[in-house]
N, C-alpha and C. Protein backbone atom coordinates (compact mmCIF):
# COMPACT_ATOMS: atom_id res chain seq x y z
N MET A 1 124.15 135.12 59.80
CA MET A 1 124.91 134.09 60.45
C MET A 1 124.22 132.77 60.26
N SER A 2 124.99 131.76 60.07
CA SER A 2 124.41 130.43 59.91
C SER A 2 124.32 129.75 61.27
N ALA A 3 123.41 128.82 61.33
CA ALA A 3 123.22 128.06 62.57
C ALA A 3 124.40 127.12 62.77
N PRO A 4 124.83 126.94 64.04
CA PRO A 4 125.95 126.02 64.27
C PRO A 4 125.55 124.60 63.92
N GLU A 5 126.51 123.89 63.38
CA GLU A 5 126.24 122.51 63.00
C GLU A 5 126.23 121.61 64.23
N THR A 6 125.33 120.65 64.22
CA THR A 6 125.29 119.67 65.30
C THR A 6 126.30 118.59 64.99
N PRO A 7 127.21 118.31 65.95
CA PRO A 7 128.22 117.28 65.66
C PRO A 7 127.56 115.90 65.56
N ALA A 8 128.09 115.11 64.67
CA ALA A 8 127.58 113.75 64.50
C ALA A 8 128.00 112.92 65.70
N PRO A 9 127.15 111.97 66.14
CA PRO A 9 127.53 111.13 67.27
C PRO A 9 128.78 110.32 66.96
N ALA A 10 129.64 110.21 67.96
CA ALA A 10 130.89 109.46 67.77
C ALA A 10 130.59 107.98 67.68
N THR A 11 131.29 107.32 66.78
CA THR A 11 131.14 105.87 66.66
C THR A 11 132.52 105.26 66.62
N GLU A 12 132.58 104.03 67.01
CA GLU A 12 133.83 103.29 66.91
C GLU A 12 133.52 102.00 66.18
N VAL A 13 134.50 101.50 65.50
CA VAL A 13 134.31 100.27 64.75
C VAL A 13 134.61 99.09 65.67
N VAL A 14 133.63 98.19 65.77
CA VAL A 14 133.80 97.00 66.58
C VAL A 14 134.46 95.95 65.72
N PRO A 15 135.53 95.32 66.22
CA PRO A 15 136.18 94.29 65.39
C PRO A 15 135.21 93.15 65.10
N ALA A 16 135.19 92.74 63.88
CA ALA A 16 134.26 91.70 63.46
C ALA A 16 134.91 90.33 63.57
N ALA A 17 134.06 89.33 63.66
CA ALA A 17 134.56 87.95 63.64
C ALA A 17 135.09 87.65 62.24
N ALA A 18 135.80 86.57 62.12
CA ALA A 18 136.40 86.22 60.84
C ALA A 18 135.34 86.11 59.76
N GLY A 19 135.48 86.88 58.71
CA GLY A 19 134.57 86.81 57.58
C GLY A 19 133.34 87.69 57.72
N ALA A 20 133.06 88.22 58.89
CA ALA A 20 131.88 89.07 59.08
C ALA A 20 132.29 90.52 58.87
N PRO A 21 131.38 91.33 58.32
CA PRO A 21 131.72 92.74 58.10
C PRO A 21 131.75 93.49 59.43
N ALA A 22 132.65 94.47 59.53
CA ALA A 22 132.71 95.31 60.73
C ALA A 22 131.51 96.25 60.73
N HIS A 23 130.97 96.51 61.90
CA HIS A 23 129.84 97.42 61.99
C HIS A 23 130.15 98.45 63.07
N PRO A 24 129.69 99.70 62.86
CA PRO A 24 129.97 100.74 63.84
C PRO A 24 129.09 100.54 65.08
N ALA A 25 129.66 100.80 66.24
CA ALA A 25 128.91 100.74 67.49
C ALA A 25 128.97 102.11 68.12
N PRO A 26 127.92 102.51 68.82
CA PRO A 26 127.95 103.83 69.45
C PRO A 26 129.06 103.87 70.51
N ALA A 27 129.72 105.00 70.58
CA ALA A 27 130.79 105.17 71.57
C ALA A 27 130.16 105.26 72.96
N MET A 28 130.92 104.85 73.95
CA MET A 28 130.43 104.92 75.32
C MET A 28 130.39 106.37 75.77
N LEU A 29 129.44 106.66 76.62
CA LEU A 29 129.27 108.01 77.14
C LEU A 29 130.40 108.35 78.11
N PRO A 30 130.63 109.63 78.36
CA PRO A 30 131.66 110.00 79.34
C PRO A 30 131.30 109.43 80.71
N GLY A 31 132.26 108.90 81.40
CA GLY A 31 132.03 108.34 82.72
C GLY A 31 131.71 106.85 82.71
N VAL A 32 131.51 106.28 81.55
CA VAL A 32 131.18 104.86 81.45
C VAL A 32 132.46 104.09 81.18
N VAL A 33 132.70 103.04 81.95
CA VAL A 33 133.93 102.27 81.78
C VAL A 33 133.72 100.95 81.06
N ARG A 34 132.49 100.51 80.93
CA ARG A 34 132.20 99.31 80.15
C ARG A 34 130.81 99.45 79.55
N PRO A 35 130.52 98.72 78.49
CA PRO A 35 129.23 98.89 77.81
C PRO A 35 128.05 98.50 78.70
N HIS A 36 126.93 99.12 78.41
CA HIS A 36 125.72 98.81 79.14
C HIS A 36 125.21 97.42 78.77
N PRO A 37 124.49 96.77 79.70
CA PRO A 37 123.97 95.43 79.42
C PRO A 37 122.93 95.45 78.31
N GLN A 38 122.67 94.28 77.77
CA GLN A 38 121.65 94.12 76.75
C GLN A 38 120.26 94.14 77.40
N PRO A 39 119.21 94.44 76.65
CA PRO A 39 117.86 94.46 77.22
C PRO A 39 117.47 93.15 77.90
N PHE A 40 117.93 92.02 77.37
CA PHE A 40 117.59 90.73 77.98
C PHE A 40 118.09 90.67 79.42
N GLN A 41 119.26 91.22 79.68
CA GLN A 41 119.80 91.21 81.04
C GLN A 41 118.95 92.06 81.98
N TYR A 42 118.44 93.17 81.48
CA TYR A 42 117.55 94.00 82.30
C TYR A 42 116.27 93.23 82.63
N VAL A 43 115.76 92.51 81.67
CA VAL A 43 114.53 91.72 81.90
C VAL A 43 114.81 90.63 82.94
N MET A 44 115.97 89.99 82.85
CA MET A 44 116.29 88.94 83.83
C MET A 44 116.42 89.51 85.24
N ILE A 45 116.99 90.68 85.38
CA ILE A 45 117.07 91.33 86.70
C ILE A 45 115.67 91.67 87.19
N ALA A 46 114.80 92.11 86.29
CA ALA A 46 113.42 92.39 86.69
C ALA A 46 112.73 91.12 87.19
N VAL A 47 112.99 90.00 86.54
CA VAL A 47 112.40 88.73 86.98
C VAL A 47 112.93 88.37 88.37
N VAL A 48 114.22 88.54 88.59
CA VAL A 48 114.80 88.26 89.91
C VAL A 48 114.17 89.17 90.96
N LEU A 49 113.99 90.44 90.64
CA LEU A 49 113.36 91.36 91.58
C LEU A 49 111.92 90.95 91.90
N CYS A 50 111.20 90.46 90.89
CA CYS A 50 109.82 89.99 91.12
C CYS A 50 109.81 88.76 92.03
N VAL A 51 110.75 87.85 91.83
CA VAL A 51 110.82 86.65 92.65
C VAL A 51 111.14 87.02 94.11
N VAL A 52 112.10 87.92 94.30
CA VAL A 52 112.44 88.34 95.67
C VAL A 52 111.25 89.04 96.32
N THR A 53 110.53 89.85 95.56
CA THR A 53 109.34 90.52 96.10
C THR A 53 108.28 89.49 96.48
N ALA A 54 108.09 88.47 95.65
CA ALA A 54 107.13 87.42 95.98
C ALA A 54 107.54 86.69 97.26
N LEU A 55 108.83 86.46 97.43
CA LEU A 55 109.31 85.84 98.66
C LEU A 55 109.06 86.74 99.87
N GLU A 56 109.22 88.03 99.69
CA GLU A 56 108.93 88.96 100.78
C GLU A 56 107.47 88.92 101.17
N VAL A 57 106.60 88.90 100.19
CA VAL A 57 105.16 88.81 100.47
C VAL A 57 104.85 87.48 101.14
N GLY A 58 105.50 86.41 100.69
CA GLY A 58 105.29 85.10 101.30
C GLY A 58 105.74 85.05 102.75
N MET A 59 106.75 85.87 103.11
CA MET A 59 107.20 85.93 104.50
C MET A 59 106.08 86.40 105.43
N TYR A 60 105.18 87.18 104.92
CA TYR A 60 104.06 87.68 105.72
C TYR A 60 103.22 86.50 106.25
N TYR A 61 103.09 85.47 105.46
CA TYR A 61 102.25 84.34 105.84
C TYR A 61 102.97 83.37 106.78
N LEU A 62 104.26 83.59 107.06
CA LEU A 62 104.99 82.78 108.03
C LEU A 62 104.99 83.44 109.41
N GLU A 63 104.03 84.30 109.62
CA GLU A 63 103.99 85.13 110.81
C GLU A 63 104.13 84.33 112.11
N GLY A 64 103.37 83.26 112.27
CA GLY A 64 103.41 82.50 113.51
C GLY A 64 104.47 81.42 113.53
N ASP A 65 105.04 81.08 112.37
CA ASP A 65 105.99 79.97 112.28
C ASP A 65 107.40 80.34 112.71
N LEU A 66 107.80 81.58 112.52
CA LEU A 66 109.16 82.02 112.86
C LEU A 66 109.09 83.19 113.84
N PRO A 67 110.11 83.35 114.67
CA PRO A 67 110.14 84.52 115.56
C PRO A 67 110.22 85.81 114.74
N ASP A 68 109.70 86.87 115.30
CA ASP A 68 109.68 88.16 114.59
C ASP A 68 111.07 88.64 114.21
N GLN A 69 112.07 88.41 115.07
CA GLN A 69 113.42 88.87 114.77
C GLN A 69 113.98 88.16 113.53
N VAL A 70 113.66 86.90 113.37
CA VAL A 70 114.13 86.16 112.19
C VAL A 70 113.46 86.69 110.93
N ILE A 71 112.16 86.91 111.00
CA ILE A 71 111.42 87.43 109.84
C ILE A 71 111.96 88.81 109.46
N ILE A 72 112.18 89.67 110.45
CA ILE A 72 112.70 91.00 110.17
C ILE A 72 114.09 90.92 109.54
N GLY A 73 114.93 90.04 110.06
CA GLY A 73 116.27 89.88 109.48
C GLY A 73 116.23 89.40 108.04
N ILE A 74 115.36 88.44 107.77
CA ILE A 74 115.24 87.93 106.39
C ILE A 74 114.69 89.01 105.46
N LEU A 75 113.68 89.75 105.93
CA LEU A 75 113.12 90.82 105.10
C LEU A 75 114.15 91.92 104.83
N LEU A 76 114.95 92.25 105.84
CA LEU A 76 116.00 93.26 105.63
C LEU A 76 117.05 92.76 104.64
N ALA A 77 117.40 91.49 104.72
CA ALA A 77 118.37 90.92 103.77
C ALA A 77 117.82 90.96 102.34
N MET A 78 116.54 90.60 102.17
CA MET A 78 115.95 90.64 100.83
C MET A 78 115.84 92.07 100.32
N ALA A 79 115.54 93.02 101.21
CA ALA A 79 115.48 94.42 100.81
C ALA A 79 116.86 94.91 100.37
N LEU A 80 117.90 94.46 101.07
CA LEU A 80 119.26 94.84 100.70
C LEU A 80 119.63 94.28 99.32
N VAL A 81 119.24 93.03 99.07
CA VAL A 81 119.52 92.41 97.76
C VAL A 81 118.83 93.21 96.65
N LYS A 82 117.57 93.56 96.87
CA LYS A 82 116.85 94.34 95.85
C LYS A 82 117.47 95.72 95.66
N PHE A 83 117.86 96.34 96.75
CA PHE A 83 118.49 97.67 96.66
C PHE A 83 119.77 97.61 95.85
N VAL A 84 120.61 96.63 96.13
CA VAL A 84 121.89 96.50 95.41
C VAL A 84 121.65 96.21 93.93
N LEU A 85 120.69 95.34 93.62
CA LEU A 85 120.40 95.04 92.22
C LEU A 85 119.91 96.28 91.47
N VAL A 86 119.00 97.02 92.07
CA VAL A 86 118.46 98.21 91.40
C VAL A 86 119.55 99.26 91.24
N ALA A 87 120.33 99.49 92.30
CA ALA A 87 121.36 100.52 92.22
C ALA A 87 122.45 100.15 91.21
N SER A 88 122.84 98.89 91.18
CA SER A 88 123.94 98.52 90.29
C SER A 88 123.51 98.36 88.84
N TRP A 89 122.32 97.85 88.60
CA TRP A 89 121.89 97.61 87.21
C TRP A 89 121.10 98.78 86.64
N TYR A 90 120.06 99.22 87.32
CA TYR A 90 119.19 100.23 86.73
C TYR A 90 119.71 101.65 86.92
N MET A 91 120.55 101.86 87.93
CA MET A 91 121.19 103.17 88.09
C MET A 91 122.56 103.17 87.41
N HIS A 92 122.91 102.07 86.77
CA HIS A 92 124.12 101.92 85.96
C HIS A 92 125.41 102.10 86.75
N LEU A 93 125.40 101.80 88.05
CA LEU A 93 126.64 101.90 88.83
C LEU A 93 127.64 100.83 88.41
N ARG A 94 127.18 99.75 87.80
CA ARG A 94 128.09 98.70 87.33
C ARG A 94 128.97 99.20 86.18
N THR A 95 128.43 100.09 85.37
CA THR A 95 129.14 100.51 84.16
C THR A 95 129.83 101.87 84.32
N ASP A 96 129.58 102.57 85.41
CA ASP A 96 130.16 103.90 85.60
C ASP A 96 131.54 103.81 86.22
N ARG A 97 132.19 104.95 86.25
CA ARG A 97 133.51 105.04 86.87
C ARG A 97 133.41 104.74 88.37
N PRO A 98 134.47 104.23 88.96
CA PRO A 98 134.44 103.90 90.39
C PRO A 98 134.14 105.09 91.30
N ILE A 99 134.48 106.30 90.88
CA ILE A 99 134.22 107.47 91.72
C ILE A 99 132.73 107.64 91.97
N PHE A 100 131.89 107.31 90.97
CA PHE A 100 130.45 107.43 91.16
C PHE A 100 129.94 106.41 92.17
N LYS A 101 130.52 105.22 92.15
CA LYS A 101 130.16 104.20 93.14
C LYS A 101 130.53 104.68 94.54
N ARG A 102 131.70 105.30 94.65
CA ARG A 102 132.14 105.79 95.96
C ARG A 102 131.22 106.89 96.47
N PHE A 103 130.85 107.82 95.61
CA PHE A 103 129.91 108.88 96.02
C PHE A 103 128.59 108.28 96.49
N PHE A 104 128.07 107.34 95.73
CA PHE A 104 126.79 106.72 96.07
C PHE A 104 126.90 105.97 97.39
N THR A 105 127.96 105.19 97.55
CA THR A 105 128.15 104.41 98.78
C THR A 105 128.32 105.33 99.98
N THR A 106 129.08 106.40 99.82
CA THR A 106 129.26 107.36 100.91
C THR A 106 127.92 107.97 101.32
N GLY A 107 127.10 108.31 100.36
CA GLY A 107 125.78 108.87 100.68
C GLY A 107 124.89 107.88 101.40
N VAL A 108 124.91 106.63 100.97
CA VAL A 108 124.08 105.60 101.62
C VAL A 108 124.55 105.36 103.04
N VAL A 109 125.86 105.23 103.23
CA VAL A 109 126.40 105.01 104.58
C VAL A 109 126.09 106.21 105.47
N GLY A 110 126.25 107.41 104.95
CA GLY A 110 125.91 108.61 105.72
C GLY A 110 124.44 108.65 106.11
N ALA A 111 123.56 108.27 105.19
CA ALA A 111 122.13 108.27 105.49
C ALA A 111 121.79 107.24 106.56
N VAL A 112 122.40 106.06 106.50
CA VAL A 112 122.15 105.03 107.51
C VAL A 112 122.65 105.49 108.87
N ILE A 113 123.82 106.10 108.92
CA ILE A 113 124.35 106.60 110.19
C ILE A 113 123.44 107.69 110.75
N LEU A 114 123.03 108.62 109.91
CA LEU A 114 122.13 109.68 110.36
C LEU A 114 120.81 109.11 110.88
N TYR A 115 120.26 108.15 110.17
CA TYR A 115 119.01 107.51 110.58
C TYR A 115 119.18 106.83 111.94
N ALA A 116 120.30 106.13 112.12
CA ALA A 116 120.55 105.45 113.40
C ALA A 116 120.72 106.46 114.53
N VAL A 117 121.41 107.56 114.28
CA VAL A 117 121.59 108.59 115.31
C VAL A 117 120.24 109.18 115.71
N VAL A 118 119.40 109.46 114.74
CA VAL A 118 118.07 110.03 115.04
C VAL A 118 117.25 109.02 115.84
N LEU A 119 117.27 107.75 115.45
CA LEU A 119 116.50 106.75 116.19
C LEU A 119 117.04 106.56 117.60
N LEU A 120 118.37 106.61 117.77
CA LEU A 120 118.94 106.52 119.10
C LEU A 120 118.58 107.75 119.96
N THR A 121 118.58 108.91 119.33
CA THR A 121 118.23 110.14 120.04
C THR A 121 116.79 110.10 120.51
N LEU A 122 115.91 109.56 119.70
CA LEU A 122 114.49 109.47 120.07
C LEU A 122 114.19 108.30 120.98
N GLY A 123 115.18 107.46 121.22
CA GLY A 123 114.98 106.32 122.12
C GLY A 123 114.30 105.13 121.48
N VAL A 124 114.22 105.10 120.17
CA VAL A 124 113.57 104.00 119.49
C VAL A 124 114.45 102.75 119.51
N LEU A 125 115.77 102.93 119.39
CA LEU A 125 116.70 101.80 119.35
C LEU A 125 117.35 101.53 120.71
N SER A 126 116.75 101.94 121.79
CA SER A 126 117.38 101.75 123.10
C SER A 126 117.20 100.34 123.61
């Protein structure tokens, strides 16, 4: 018996600009609704994440200047921004089908609700 042949990766022809030759582009994977970003975009998101992290560290030094509730609120907002950026860009939720976004969002909301219920049960959030 001969070994089964490995199928060649699917490619599609990207329409070329006027006068430029057409070149094949890799087909999108199943579940992907738009092409993945270029590496430069990933680097720019990493820079934004570094800046937000630096701002978070800088908030530590504003300890006596702002009330604790304000600092906590700002830190939570920056953490949310970083979470959304990482989930949408690096976990590729931006390019996947909407059902994957719904599953992910449902899990996050469920985890937050569970966490709040546990904290309320223990009397931490009373």
